[in-house]
Amino acid sequence: MTIEQHVEELRAELRNAVDREERRQIEAELAAAVKERDALLENMVPD
């Protein structure tokens, strides 16, 4: 699974989450995945 797929999967899970604790956990995972994706993209851009 690519990082982009993981981000999209987490977004889908977040849309369907009803429990407050579950939402918080998914939000934290999503934030970490977005940060990782952004770092990877930043490293791909030539200086």
PDB file of N, CA and C in Angstrom:
ATOM      1  N   MET A   1       0.850  -1.174   0.000  1.00  0.00           N
ATOM      2  CA  MET A   1       0.000   0.000   0.000  1.00  0.00           C
ATOM      3  C   MET A   1       0.897   1.238   0.000  1.00  0.00           C
ATOM      4  N   THR A   2       0.563   2.175  -0.849  1.00  0.00           N
ATOM      5  CA  THR A   2       1.335   3.419  -0.895  1.00  0.00           C
ATOM      6  C   THR A   2       0.888   4.335   0.242  1.00  0.00           C
ATOM      7  N   ILE A   3       1.709   5.340   0.530  1.00  0.00           N
ATOM      8  CA  ILE A   3       1.363   6.286   1.585  1.00  0.00           C
ATOM      9  C   ILE A   3       0.089   7.040   1.210  1.00  0.00           C
ATOM     10  N   GLU A   4      -0.091   7.329  -0.070  1.00  0.00           N
ATOM     11  CA  GLU A   4      -1.303   8.034  -0.501  1.00  0.00           C
ATOM     12  C   GLU A   4      -2.540   7.166  -0.277  1.00  0.00           C
ATOM     13  N   GLN A   5      -2.432   5.884  -0.552  1.00  0.00           N
ATOM     14  CA  GLN A   5      -3.552   4.971  -0.300  1.00  0.00           C
ATOM     15  C   GLN A   5      -3.864   4.910   1.191  1.00  0.00           C
ATOM     16  N   HIS A   6      -2.815   4.895   1.994  1.00  0.00           N
ATOM     17  CA  HIS A   6      -2.992   4.845   3.450  1.00  0.00           C
ATOM     18  C   HIS A   6      -3.718   6.102   3.939  1.00  0.00           C
ATOM     19  N   VAL A   7      -3.322   7.266   3.432  1.00  0.00           N
ATOM     20  CA  VAL A   7      -3.972   8.522   3.806  1.00  0.00           C
ATOM     21  C   VAL A   7      -5.452   8.471   3.424  1.00  0.00           C
ATOM     22  N   GLU A   8      -5.752   8.013   2.223  1.00  0.00           N
ATOM     23  CA  GLU A   8      -7.148   7.943   1.778  1.00  0.00           C
ATOM     24  C   GLU A   8      -7.954   6.949   2.606  1.00  0.00           C
ATOM     25  N   GLU A   9      -7.334   5.831   2.970  1.00  0.00           N
ATOM     26  CA  GLU A   9      -8.015   4.843   3.797  1.00  0.00           C
ATOM     27  C   GLU A   9      -8.333   5.426   5.180  1.00  0.00           C
ATOM     28  N   LEU A  10      -7.382   6.144   5.747  1.00  0.00           N
ATOM     29  CA  LEU A  10      -7.613   6.772   7.047  1.00  0.00           C
ATOM     30  C   LEU A  10      -8.705   7.834   6.962  1.00  0.00           C
ATOM     31  N   ARG A  11      -8.737   8.591   5.888  1.00  0.00           N
ATOM     32  CA  ARG A  11      -9.799   9.593   5.707  1.00  0.00           C
ATOM     33  C   ARG A  11     -11.163   8.919   5.645  1.00  0.00           C
ATOM     34  N   ALA A  12     -11.243   7.788   4.960  1.00  0.00           N
ATOM     35  CA  ALA A  12     -12.502   7.048   4.872  1.00  0.00           C
ATOM     36  C   ALA A  12     -12.906   6.522   6.246  1.00  0.00           C
ATOM     37  N   GLU A  13     -11.953   5.997   6.984  1.00  0.00           N
ATOM     38  CA  GLU A  13     -12.237   5.508   8.336  1.00  0.00           C
ATOM     39  C   GLU A  13     -12.729   6.646   9.217  1.00  0.00           C
ATOM     40  N   LEU A  14     -12.116   7.809   9.082  1.00  0.00           N
ATOM     41  CA  LEU A  14     -12.502   8.961   9.895  1.00  0.00           C
ATOM     42  C   LEU A  14     -13.935   9.388   9.582  1.00  0.00           C
ATOM     43  N   ARG A  15     -14.315   9.339   8.321  1.00  0.00           N
ATOM     44  CA  ARG A  15     -15.688   9.699   7.942  1.00  0.00           C
ATOM     45  C   ARG A  15     -16.716   8.771   8.590  1.00  0.00           C
ATOM     46  N   ASN A  16     -16.323   7.526   8.820  1.00  0.00           N
ATOM     47  CA  ASN A  16     -17.253   6.527   9.355  1.00  0.00           C
ATOM     48  C   ASN A  16     -17.141   6.320  10.859  1.00  0.00           C
ATOM     49  N   ALA A  17     -16.170   6.946  11.486  1.00  0.00           N
ATOM     50  CA  ALA A  17     -15.960   6.752  12.923  1.00  0.00           C
ATOM     51  C   ALA A  17     -17.037   7.487  13.713  1.00  0.00           C
ATOM     52  N   VAL A  18     -17.601   6.827  14.691  1.00  0.00           N
ATOM     53  CA  VAL A  18     -18.637   7.436  15.516  1.00  0.00           C
ATOM     54  C   VAL A  18     -18.176   7.634  16.958  1.00  0.00           C
ATOM     55  N   ASP A  19     -17.284   6.799  17.414  1.00  0.00           N
ATOM     56  CA  ASP A  19     -16.773   6.873  18.778  1.00  0.00           C
ATOM     57  C   ASP A  19     -15.703   7.962  18.876  1.00  0.00           C
ATOM     58  N   ARG A  20     -15.800   8.801  19.903  1.00  0.00           N
ATOM     59  CA  ARG A  20     -14.864   9.914  20.079  1.00  0.00           C
ATOM     60  C   ARG A  20     -13.414   9.449  20.187  1.00  0.00           C
ATOM     61  N   GLU A  21     -13.169   8.394  20.937  1.00  0.00           N
ATOM     62  CA  GLU A  21     -11.801   7.890  21.108  1.00  0.00           C
ATOM     63  C   GLU A  21     -11.267   7.323  19.797  1.00  0.00           C
ATOM     64  N   GLU A  22     -12.121   6.633  19.063  1.00  0.00           N
ATOM     65  CA  GLU A  22     -11.721   6.093  17.761  1.00  0.00           C
ATOM     66  C   GLU A  22     -11.360   7.240  16.811  1.00  0.00           C
ATOM     67  N   ARG A  23     -12.183   8.297  16.806  1.00  0.00           N
ATOM     68  CA  ARG A  23     -11.900   9.460  15.953  1.00  0.00           C
ATOM     69  C   ARG A  23     -10.549  10.074  16.304  1.00  0.00           C
ATOM     70  N   ARG A  24     -10.279  10.225  17.587  1.00  0.00           N
ATOM     71  CA  ARG A  24      -8.993  10.808  18.018  1.00  0.00           C
ATOM     72  C   ARG A  24      -7.820   9.957  17.548  1.00  0.00           C
ATOM     73  N   GLN A  25      -7.959   8.652  17.660  1.00  0.00           N
ATOM     74  CA  GLN A  25      -6.886   7.751  17.236  1.00  0.00           C
ATOM     75  C   GLN A  25      -6.669   7.853  15.723  1.00  0.00           C
ATOM     76  N   ILE A  26      -7.742   7.847  14.972  1.00  0.00           N
ATOM     77  CA  ILE A  26      -7.631   7.934  13.514  1.00  0.00           C
ATOM     78  C   ILE A  26      -7.066   9.291  13.106  1.00  0.00           C
ATOM     79  N   GLU A  27      -7.503  10.358  13.765  1.00  0.00           N
ATOM     80  CA  GLU A  27      -6.984  11.692  13.464  1.00  0.00           C
ATOM     81  C   GLU A  27      -5.469  11.752  13.687  1.00  0.00           C
ATOM     82  N   ALA A  28      -5.002  11.125  14.766  1.00  0.00           N
ATOM     83  CA  ALA A  28      -3.561  11.102  15.050  1.00  0.00           C
ATOM     84  C   ALA A  28      -2.820  10.303  13.983  1.00  0.00           C
ATOM     85  N   GLU A  29      -3.358   9.163  13.604  1.00  0.00           N
ATOM     86  CA  GLU A  29      -2.733   8.342  12.563  1.00  0.00           C
ATOM     87  C   GLU A  29      -2.729   9.087  11.229  1.00  0.00           C
ATOM     88  N   LEU A  30      -3.820   9.768  10.935  1.00  0.00           N
ATOM     89  CA  LEU A  30      -3.921  10.523   9.683  1.00  0.00           C
ATOM     90  C   LEU A  30      -2.899  11.662   9.669  1.00  0.00           C
ATOM     91  N   ALA A  31      -2.788  12.367  10.758  1.00  0.00           N
ATOM     92  CA  ALA A  31      -1.814  13.464  10.835  1.00  0.00           C
ATOM     93  C   ALA A  31      -0.395  12.942  10.618  1.00  0.00           C
ATOM     94  N   ALA A  32      -0.075  11.815  11.212  1.00  0.00           N
ATOM     95  CA  ALA A  32       1.258  11.227  11.040  1.00  0.00           C
ATOM     96  C   ALA A  32       1.478  10.789   9.598  1.00  0.00           C
ATOM     97  N   ALA A  33       0.474  10.202   8.986  1.00  0.00           N
ATOM     98  CA  ALA A  33       0.597   9.738   7.608  1.00  0.00           C
ATOM     99  C   ALA A  33       0.738  10.913   6.644  1.00  0.00           C
ATOM    100  N   VAL A  34      -0.008  11.979   6.881  1.00  0.00           N
ATOM    101  CA  VAL A  34       0.088  13.168   6.029  1.00  0.00           C
ATOM    102  C   VAL A  34       1.472  13.793   6.176  1.00  0.00           C
ATOM    103  N   LYS A  35       1.976  13.831   7.389  1.00  0.00           N
ATOM    104  CA  LYS A  35       3.318  14.374   7.632  1.00  0.00           C
ATOM    105  C   LYS A  35       4.371  13.539   6.897  1.00  0.00           C
ATOM    106  N   GLU A  36       4.225  12.224   6.964  1.00  0.00           N
ATOM    107  CA  GLU A  36       5.160  11.334   6.270  1.00  0.00           C
ATOM    108  C   GLU A  36       5.075  11.537   4.757  1.00  0.00           C
ATOM    109  N   ARG A  37       3.849  11.618   4.234  1.00  0.00           N
ATOM    110  CA  ARG A  37       3.652  11.834   2.797  1.00  0.00           C
ATOM    111  C   ARG A  37       4.271  13.151   2.348  1.00  0.00           C
ATOM    112  N   ASP A  38       4.031  14.206   3.119  1.00  0.00           N
ATOM    113  CA  ASP A  38       4.564  15.514   2.771  1.00  0.00           C
ATOM    114  C   ASP A  38       6.091  15.520   2.789  1.00  0.00           C
ATOM    115  N   ALA A  39       6.683  14.819   3.744  1.00  0.00           N
ATOM    116  CA  ALA A  39       8.145  14.727   3.815  1.00  0.00           C
ATOM    117  C   ALA A  39       8.689  13.985   2.597  1.00  0.00           C
ATOM    118  N   LEU A  40       8.011  12.908   2.209  1.00  0.00           N
ATOM    119  CA  LEU A  40       8.440  12.161   1.027  1.00  0.00           C
ATOM    120  C   LEU A  40       8.342  13.028  -0.227  1.00  0.00           C
ATOM    121  N   LEU A  41       7.257  13.758  -0.354  1.00  0.00           N
ATOM    122  CA  LEU A  41       7.080  14.622  -1.518  1.00  0.00           C
ATOM    123  C   LEU A  41       8.117  15.738  -1.539  1.00  0.00           C
ATOM    124  N   GLU A  42       8.407  16.279  -0.383  1.00  0.00           N
ATOM    125  CA  GLU A  42       9.410  17.353  -0.295  1.00  0.00           C
ATOM    126  C   GLU A  42      10.780  16.858  -0.743  1.00  0.00           C
ATOM    127  N   ASN A  43      11.098  15.626  -0.404  1.00  0.00           N
ATOM    128  CA  ASN A  43      12.386  15.057  -0.787  1.00  0.00           C
ATOM    129  C   ASN A  43      12.460  14.745  -2.274  1.00  0.00           C
ATOM    130  N   MET A  44      11.313  14.642  -2.929  1.00  0.00           N
ATOM    131  CA  MET A  44      11.283  14.347  -4.355  1.00  0.00           C
ATOM    132  C   MET A  44      11.467  15.592  -5.213  1.00  0.00           C
ATOM    133  N   VAL A  45      11.173  16.752  -4.660  1.00  0.00           N
ATOM    134  CA  VAL A  45      11.254  18.003  -5.408  1.00  0.00           C
ATOM    135  C   VAL A  45      12.711  18.412  -5.518  1.00  0.00           C
ATOM    136  N   PRO A  46      13.199  18.639  -6.742  1.00  0.00           N
ATOM    137  CA  PRO A  46      14.595  19.046  -6.894  1.00  0.00           C
ATOM    138  C   PRO A  46      14.805  20.464  -6.344  1.00  0.00           C
ATOM    139  N   ASP A  47      15.989  20.684  -5.806  1.00  0.00           N
ATOM    140  CA  ASP A  47      16.330  21.995  -5.241  1.00  0.00           C
ATOM    141  C   ASP A  47      16.591  23.017  -6.300  1.00  0.00           C
TER     142      ASP A  47
END
